[in-house]
């Protein structure tokens, strides 16, 4: 799944479909795709709402790790354990 595909699904209002496609991915490919989606987060209100409701933990881990996917995965797993 590419970031432009996610962008198109959100623009057309198919947020459930975009969420399901991303959630089905394993953690590494999901983090990789979400890293590419970071510039889109502030693109529109629909984009901001989508990412805030569904992927705030993953995006937070990527930003804290400064784009390093291995470190982001560790942070994500640690946050799941702390819940």
N, C-alpha and C. Protein backbone atom coordinates (compact mmCIF):
# COMPACT_ATOMS: atom_id res chain seq x y z
N UNK A 1 0.84 -1.17 0.00
CA UNK A 1 0.00 0.00 0.00
C UNK A 1 0.89 1.23 0.00
N UNK A 2 0.59 2.15 -0.87
CA UNK A 2 1.37 3.37 -1.02
C UNK A 2 0.64 4.55 -0.38
N UNK A 3 1.39 5.58 -0.05
CA UNK A 3 0.80 6.74 0.62
C UNK A 3 -0.21 7.45 -0.27
N UNK A 4 0.03 7.47 -1.59
CA UNK A 4 -0.95 8.13 -2.46
C UNK A 4 -2.27 7.36 -2.52
N UNK A 5 -2.23 6.05 -2.34
CA UNK A 5 -3.47 5.26 -2.29
C UNK A 5 -4.28 5.62 -1.04
N UNK A 6 -3.59 5.78 0.08
CA UNK A 6 -4.24 6.18 1.32
C UNK A 6 -4.86 7.56 1.15
N UNK A 7 -4.10 8.46 0.55
CA UNK A 7 -4.58 9.82 0.31
C UNK A 7 -5.86 9.81 -0.52
N UNK A 8 -5.89 9.03 -1.57
CA UNK A 8 -7.07 8.96 -2.43
C UNK A 8 -8.27 8.39 -1.67
N UNK A 9 -8.07 7.34 -0.90
CA UNK A 9 -9.17 6.75 -0.14
C UNK A 9 -9.74 7.75 0.86
N UNK A 10 -8.88 8.50 1.53
CA UNK A 10 -9.36 9.48 2.50
C UNK A 10 -10.12 10.59 1.79
N UNK A 11 -9.58 11.06 0.66
CA UNK A 11 -10.26 12.13 -0.08
C UNK A 11 -11.63 11.72 -0.57
N UNK A 12 -11.79 10.46 -0.93
CA UNK A 12 -13.08 9.99 -1.42
C UNK A 12 -14.01 9.53 -0.30
N UNK A 13 -13.56 9.64 0.94
CA UNK A 13 -14.41 9.31 2.07
C UNK A 13 -14.40 7.84 2.47
N UNK A 14 -13.50 7.07 1.91
CA UNK A 14 -13.43 5.64 2.22
C UNK A 14 -12.43 5.41 3.35
N UNK A 15 -12.64 6.09 4.48
CA UNK A 15 -11.69 6.00 5.58
C UNK A 15 -11.68 4.62 6.22
N UNK A 16 -12.83 3.97 6.30
CA UNK A 16 -12.88 2.62 6.86
C UNK A 16 -12.04 1.66 6.03
N UNK A 17 -12.13 1.80 4.74
CA UNK A 17 -11.37 0.94 3.83
C UNK A 17 -9.86 1.19 3.98
N UNK A 18 -9.48 2.46 4.09
CA UNK A 18 -8.07 2.80 4.27
C UNK A 18 -7.56 2.26 5.60
N UNK A 19 -8.35 2.41 6.65
CA UNK A 19 -7.95 1.92 7.97
C UNK A 19 -7.77 0.41 7.96
N UNK A 20 -8.72 -0.30 7.37
CA UNK A 20 -8.64 -1.76 7.32
C UNK A 20 -7.42 -2.23 6.54
N UNK A 21 -7.12 -1.56 5.43
CA UNK A 21 -5.96 -1.96 4.63
C UNK A 21 -4.67 -1.75 5.40
N UNK A 22 -4.58 -0.63 6.13
CA UNK A 22 -3.37 -0.38 6.90
C UNK A 22 -3.24 -1.30 8.10
N UNK A 23 -4.35 -1.57 8.77
CA UNK A 23 -4.31 -2.43 9.96
C UNK A 23 -3.97 -3.87 9.61
N UNK A 24 -4.28 -4.31 8.37
CA UNK A 24 -3.98 -5.68 7.95
C UNK A 24 -2.49 -5.89 7.71
N UNK A 25 -1.75 -4.79 7.49
CA UNK A 25 -0.32 -4.91 7.24
C UNK A 25 0.41 -5.28 8.52
N UNK A 26 1.51 -5.97 8.38
CA UNK A 26 2.37 -6.24 9.53
C UNK A 26 2.95 -4.91 9.99
N UNK A 27 3.54 -4.89 11.17
CA UNK A 27 3.96 -3.63 11.77
C UNK A 27 5.02 -2.91 10.93
N UNK A 28 6.01 -3.61 10.40
CA UNK A 28 7.06 -2.95 9.61
C UNK A 28 6.50 -2.27 8.36
N UNK A 29 5.74 -2.97 7.52
CA UNK A 29 5.18 -2.29 6.34
C UNK A 29 4.21 -1.17 6.72
N UNK A 30 3.46 -1.35 7.82
CA UNK A 30 2.53 -0.30 8.25
C UNK A 30 3.30 0.95 8.66
N UNK A 31 4.36 0.78 9.44
CA UNK A 31 5.17 1.93 9.85
C UNK A 31 5.82 2.60 8.65
N UNK A 32 6.27 1.81 7.70
CA UNK A 32 6.88 2.36 6.50
C UNK A 32 5.88 3.21 5.72
N UNK A 33 4.68 2.69 5.55
CA UNK A 33 3.64 3.43 4.83
C UNK A 33 3.25 4.69 5.59
N UNK A 34 3.09 4.57 6.90
CA UNK A 34 2.70 5.72 7.70
C UNK A 34 3.79 6.79 7.72
N UNK A 35 5.06 6.38 7.66
CA UNK A 35 6.15 7.36 7.58
C UNK A 35 6.01 8.19 6.32
N UNK A 36 5.61 7.56 5.21
CA UNK A 36 5.41 8.29 3.97
C UNK A 36 4.17 9.18 4.02
N UNK A 37 3.24 8.86 4.92
CA UNK A 37 2.00 9.62 5.04
C UNK A 37 2.11 10.84 5.95
N UNK A 38 3.21 10.99 6.66
CA UNK A 38 3.35 12.10 7.62
C UNK A 38 3.08 13.46 6.98
N UNK A 39 3.59 13.76 5.77
CA UNK A 39 3.28 15.07 5.18
C UNK A 39 1.79 15.30 4.91
N UNK A 40 1.02 14.23 4.81
CA UNK A 40 -0.41 14.35 4.53
C UNK A 40 -1.25 14.68 5.75
N UNK A 41 -0.71 14.51 6.94
CA UNK A 41 -1.52 14.62 8.16
C UNK A 41 -2.21 15.97 8.25
N UNK A 42 -1.53 17.04 7.88
CA UNK A 42 -2.12 18.38 7.96
C UNK A 42 -2.72 18.85 6.64
N UNK A 43 -2.87 17.95 5.70
CA UNK A 43 -3.35 18.31 4.36
C UNK A 43 -4.79 18.84 4.41
N UNK A 44 -5.64 18.20 5.17
CA UNK A 44 -7.03 18.65 5.30
C UNK A 44 -7.57 18.16 6.64
N UNK A 45 -8.74 18.62 6.98
CA UNK A 45 -9.36 18.19 8.22
C UNK A 45 -9.65 16.71 8.24
N UNK A 46 -10.04 16.16 7.10
CA UNK A 46 -10.35 14.73 7.02
C UNK A 46 -9.09 13.89 7.25
N UNK A 47 -7.97 14.34 6.70
CA UNK A 47 -6.71 13.62 6.89
C UNK A 47 -6.29 13.67 8.36
N UNK A 48 -6.35 14.85 8.95
CA UNK A 48 -5.96 15.00 10.35
C UNK A 48 -6.81 14.13 11.25
N UNK A 49 -8.11 14.15 11.03
CA UNK A 49 -9.04 13.36 11.84
C UNK A 49 -8.75 11.86 11.67
N UNK A 50 -8.54 11.42 10.44
CA UNK A 50 -8.28 10.00 10.17
C UNK A 50 -7.04 9.51 10.91
N UNK A 51 -5.93 10.23 10.75
CA UNK A 51 -4.69 9.78 11.38
C UNK A 51 -4.74 9.92 12.89
N UNK A 52 -5.39 10.95 13.41
CA UNK A 52 -5.48 11.13 14.86
C UNK A 52 -6.33 10.04 15.51
N UNK A 53 -7.40 9.65 14.87
CA UNK A 53 -8.29 8.63 15.44
C UNK A 53 -7.73 7.22 15.33
N UNK A 54 -7.00 6.94 14.28
CA UNK A 54 -6.63 5.57 13.99
C UNK A 54 -5.15 5.21 14.18
N UNK A 55 -4.25 6.15 13.97
CA UNK A 55 -2.82 5.80 13.94
C UNK A 55 -1.95 6.77 14.73
N UNK A 56 -2.48 7.39 15.77
CA UNK A 56 -1.68 8.36 16.52
C UNK A 56 -0.51 7.70 17.25
N UNK A 57 -0.68 6.47 17.73
CA UNK A 57 0.41 5.79 18.45
C UNK A 57 1.54 5.46 17.48
N UNK A 58 1.20 4.92 16.33
CA UNK A 58 2.21 4.57 15.34
C UNK A 58 2.95 5.81 14.85
N UNK A 59 2.20 6.87 14.52
CA UNK A 59 2.84 8.10 14.04
C UNK A 59 3.70 8.73 15.13
N UNK A 60 3.24 8.68 16.36
CA UNK A 60 4.04 9.20 17.47
C UNK A 60 5.34 8.44 17.62
N UNK A 61 5.28 7.13 17.47
CA UNK A 61 6.49 6.31 17.57
C UNK A 61 7.47 6.65 16.45
N UNK A 62 6.96 6.87 15.25
CA UNK A 62 7.82 7.21 14.11
C UNK A 62 8.49 8.57 14.35
N UNK A 63 7.72 9.53 14.83
CA UNK A 63 8.28 10.86 15.07
C UNK A 63 9.29 10.85 16.21
N UNK A 64 9.01 10.09 17.26
CA UNK A 64 9.95 10.00 18.37
C UNK A 64 11.25 9.32 17.94
N UNK A 65 11.15 8.36 17.03
CA UNK A 65 12.33 7.64 16.54
C UNK A 65 13.00 8.37 15.39
N UNK A 66 12.48 9.52 15.02
CA UNK A 66 13.02 10.34 13.94
C UNK A 66 13.15 9.57 12.63
N UNK A 67 12.15 8.76 12.31
CA UNK A 67 12.11 8.04 11.04
C UNK A 67 12.78 6.68 11.04
N UNK A 68 13.47 6.31 12.11
CA UNK A 68 14.12 4.99 12.19
C UNK A 68 13.06 3.94 12.50
N UNK A 69 12.76 3.09 11.52
CA UNK A 69 11.66 2.15 11.67
C UNK A 69 11.91 1.08 12.73
N UNK A 70 13.15 0.66 12.91
CA UNK A 70 13.43 -0.34 13.94
C UNK A 70 13.16 0.24 15.33
N UNK A 71 13.64 1.44 15.56
CA UNK A 71 13.40 2.11 16.85
C UNK A 71 11.92 2.41 17.02
N UNK A 72 11.24 2.81 15.94
CA UNK A 72 9.81 3.10 16.01
C UNK A 72 9.02 1.84 16.38
N UNK A 73 9.43 0.70 15.85
CA UNK A 73 8.76 -0.55 16.19
C UNK A 73 8.94 -0.87 17.68
N UNK A 74 10.14 -0.65 18.20
CA UNK A 74 10.38 -0.88 19.63
C UNK A 74 9.51 0.03 20.48
N UNK A 75 9.42 1.30 20.10
CA UNK A 75 8.60 2.25 20.85
C UNK A 75 7.12 1.87 20.79
N UNK A 76 6.68 1.43 19.63
CA UNK A 76 5.28 1.04 19.45
C UNK A 76 4.96 -0.18 20.33
N UNK A 77 5.84 -1.17 20.31
CA UNK A 77 5.60 -2.38 21.13
C UNK A 77 5.62 -2.03 22.61
N UNK A 78 6.51 -1.13 23.02
CA UNK A 78 6.56 -0.72 24.42
C UNK A 78 5.28 0.00 24.83
N UNK A 79 4.74 0.82 23.94
CA UNK A 79 3.50 1.54 24.28
C UNK A 79 2.33 0.59 24.37
N UNK A 80 2.32 -0.48 23.58
CA UNK A 80 1.25 -1.47 23.68
C UNK A 80 1.31 -2.21 25.01
N UNK A 81 2.52 -2.48 25.50
CA UNK A 81 2.67 -3.18 26.77
C UNK A 81 2.24 -2.31 27.95
N UNK A 82 2.43 -1.00 27.81
CA UNK A 82 2.09 -0.08 28.90
C UNK A 82 0.60 0.20 29.02
N UNK A 83 -0.19 -0.21 28.06
CA UNK A 83 -1.64 0.06 28.12
C UNK A 83 -2.30 -0.72 29.19
